[in-house]
Amino acid sequence: MFTYTVIQHQFHPDVPPPYVIALVELDEQPGLRVVANITGCDPAAVHIGQRVEPALEDHGERAAPVFTPVPS
């Protein structure tokens, strides 16, 4: 993970805080960075340099790309 921020303010009624939005640099293409949520962990445990892997978050008729921490 290149950098991130923890959102503490509720902007949408369906998305309760806190949650993490990160800029993730992909191993497959150095320099390519993707903005996505980090899920599946405590926001306080997120850190720069953390290894993450892609996942899909189910939202009924559609899915959202997210990243989850790689177990160490």
C-alpha atoms as a PDB file:
ATOM      1  CA  MET A   1       0.000   0.000   0.000  1.00  0.00           C
ATOM      2  CA  PHE A   2       1.413   3.340  -1.037  1.00  0.00           C
ATOM      3  CA  THR A   3      -0.650   5.614   1.228  1.00  0.00           C
ATOM      4  CA  TYR A   4      -4.077   5.733   2.876  1.00  0.00           C
ATOM      5  CA  THR A   5      -6.516   7.746   4.957  1.00  0.00           C
ATOM      6  CA  VAL A   6      -9.047   6.665   7.561  1.00  0.00           C
ATOM      7  CA  ILE A   7     -12.422   8.298   7.003  1.00  0.00           C
ATOM      8  CA  GLN A   8     -14.090   9.288  10.285  1.00  0.00           C
ATOM      9  CA  HIS A   9     -17.031  11.349   8.940  1.00  0.00           C
ATOM     10  CA  GLN A  10     -20.123   9.696   7.483  1.00  0.00           C
ATOM     11  CA  PHE A  11     -20.651  10.920   3.911  1.00  0.00           C
ATOM     12  CA  HIS A  12     -23.241   8.319   2.877  1.00  0.00           C
ATOM     13  CA  PRO A  13     -25.895   6.706   5.117  1.00  0.00           C
ATOM     14  CA  ASP A  14     -25.038   3.202   3.861  1.00  0.00           C
ATOM     15  CA  VAL A  15     -21.304   3.513   4.618  1.00  0.00           C
ATOM     16  CA  PRO A  16     -20.619   3.914   8.346  1.00  0.00           C
ATOM     17  CA  PRO A  17     -17.197   5.187   9.442  1.00  0.00           C
ATOM     18  CA  PRO A  18     -14.457   4.472  10.125  1.00  0.00           C
ATOM     19  CA  TYR A  19     -13.253   3.024   6.832  1.00  0.00           C
ATOM     20  CA  VAL A  20     -10.011   3.131   4.894  1.00  0.00           C
ATOM     21  CA  ILE A  21      -9.417   4.550   1.423  1.00  0.00           C
ATOM     22  CA  ALA A  22      -5.980   3.720   0.060  1.00  0.00           C
ATOM     23  CA  LEU A  23      -3.736   4.334  -2.893  1.00  0.00           C
ATOM     24  CA  VAL A  24      -2.446   0.850  -3.734  1.00  0.00           C
ATOM     25  CA  GLU A  25       0.554   0.369  -6.033  1.00  0.00           C
ATOM     26  CA  LEU A  26       0.305  -2.845  -8.018  1.00  0.00           C
ATOM     27  CA  ASP A  27       3.255  -5.277  -8.063  1.00  0.00           C
ATOM     28  CA  GLU A  28       2.350  -6.245 -11.636  1.00  0.00           C
ATOM     29  CA  GLN A  29       2.967  -2.724 -12.918  1.00  0.00           C
ATOM     30  CA  PRO A  30       5.182  -0.479 -10.765  1.00  0.00           C
ATOM     31  CA  GLY A  31       3.995   3.107 -10.838  1.00  0.00           C
ATOM     32  CA  LEU A  32       0.357   2.121 -11.459  1.00  0.00           C
ATOM     33  CA  ARG A  33      -1.686   3.102  -8.414  1.00  0.00           C
ATOM     34  CA  VAL A  34      -5.333   2.290  -7.751  1.00  0.00           C
ATOM     35  CA  VAL A  35      -7.663   4.057  -5.305  1.00  0.00           C
ATOM     36  CA  ALA A  36      -9.808   1.563  -3.387  1.00  0.00           C
ATOM     37  CA  ASN A  37     -11.189   0.690   0.024  1.00  0.00           C
ATOM     38  CA  ILE A  38      -9.240  -1.572   2.372  1.00  0.00           C
ATOM     39  CA  THR A  39     -11.604  -4.054   4.014  1.00  0.00           C
ATOM     40  CA  GLY A  40     -11.404  -7.024   6.345  1.00  0.00           C
ATOM     41  CA  CYS A  41      -9.305  -5.384   9.050  1.00  0.00           C
ATOM     42  CA  ASP A  42      -9.347  -2.839  11.851  1.00  0.00           C
ATOM     43  CA  PRO A  43      -8.623   0.605  10.330  1.00  0.00           C
ATOM     44  CA  ALA A  44      -6.121   1.224  13.157  1.00  0.00           C
ATOM     45  CA  ALA A  45      -4.082  -1.786  11.962  1.00  0.00           C
ATOM     46  CA  VAL A  46      -3.533  -0.422   8.430  1.00  0.00           C
ATOM     47  CA  HIS A  47      -0.044   0.868   7.607  1.00  0.00           C
ATOM     48  CA  ILE A  48       1.981   2.126   4.650  1.00  0.00           C
ATOM     49  CA  GLY A  49       3.862  -0.701   2.968  1.00  0.00           C
ATOM     50  CA  GLN A  50       1.263  -3.275   4.027  1.00  0.00           C
ATOM     51  CA  ARG A  51       0.736  -6.086   1.514  1.00  0.00           C
ATOM     52  CA  VAL A  52      -2.829  -6.315   0.209  1.00  0.00           C
ATOM     53  CA  GLU A  53      -4.659  -8.467  -2.308  1.00  0.00           C
ATOM     54  CA  PRO A  54      -7.651  -7.696  -4.530  1.00  0.00           C
ATOM     55  CA  ALA A  55     -11.153  -8.842  -3.646  1.00  0.00           C
ATOM     56  CA  LEU A  56     -14.732  -8.087  -4.660  1.00  0.00           C
ATOM     57  CA  GLU A  57     -17.306  -6.709  -2.230  1.00  0.00           C
ATOM     58  CA  ASP A  58     -20.814  -7.934  -3.119  1.00  0.00           C
ATOM     59  CA  HIS A  59     -23.504  -5.265  -3.437  1.00  0.00           C
ATOM     60  CA  GLY A  60     -26.340  -7.323  -4.875  1.00  0.00           C
ATOM     61  CA  GLU A  61     -26.490  -6.740  -8.618  1.00  0.00           C
ATOM     62  CA  ARG A  62     -22.950  -5.358  -8.709  1.00  0.00           C
ATOM     63  CA  ALA A  63     -19.636  -5.776  -6.957  1.00  0.00           C
ATOM     64  CA  ALA A  64     -17.046  -3.228  -5.902  1.00  0.00           C
ATOM     65  CA  PRO A  65     -13.296  -3.875  -6.162  1.00  0.00           C
ATOM     66  CA  VAL A  66     -11.564  -3.619  -2.791  1.00  0.00           C
ATOM     67  CA  PHE A  67      -8.303  -4.785  -1.242  1.00  0.00           C
ATOM     68  CA  THR A  68      -7.804  -6.889   1.889  1.00  0.00           C
ATOM     69  CA  PRO A  69      -4.616  -7.321   3.925  1.00  0.00           C
ATOM     70  CA  VAL A  70      -2.448 -10.327   3.115  1.00  0.00           C
ATOM     71  CA  PRO A  71      -2.053 -12.483   6.238  1.00  0.00           C
ATOM     72  CA  SER A  72       1.512 -12.319   7.533  1.00  0.00           C
END
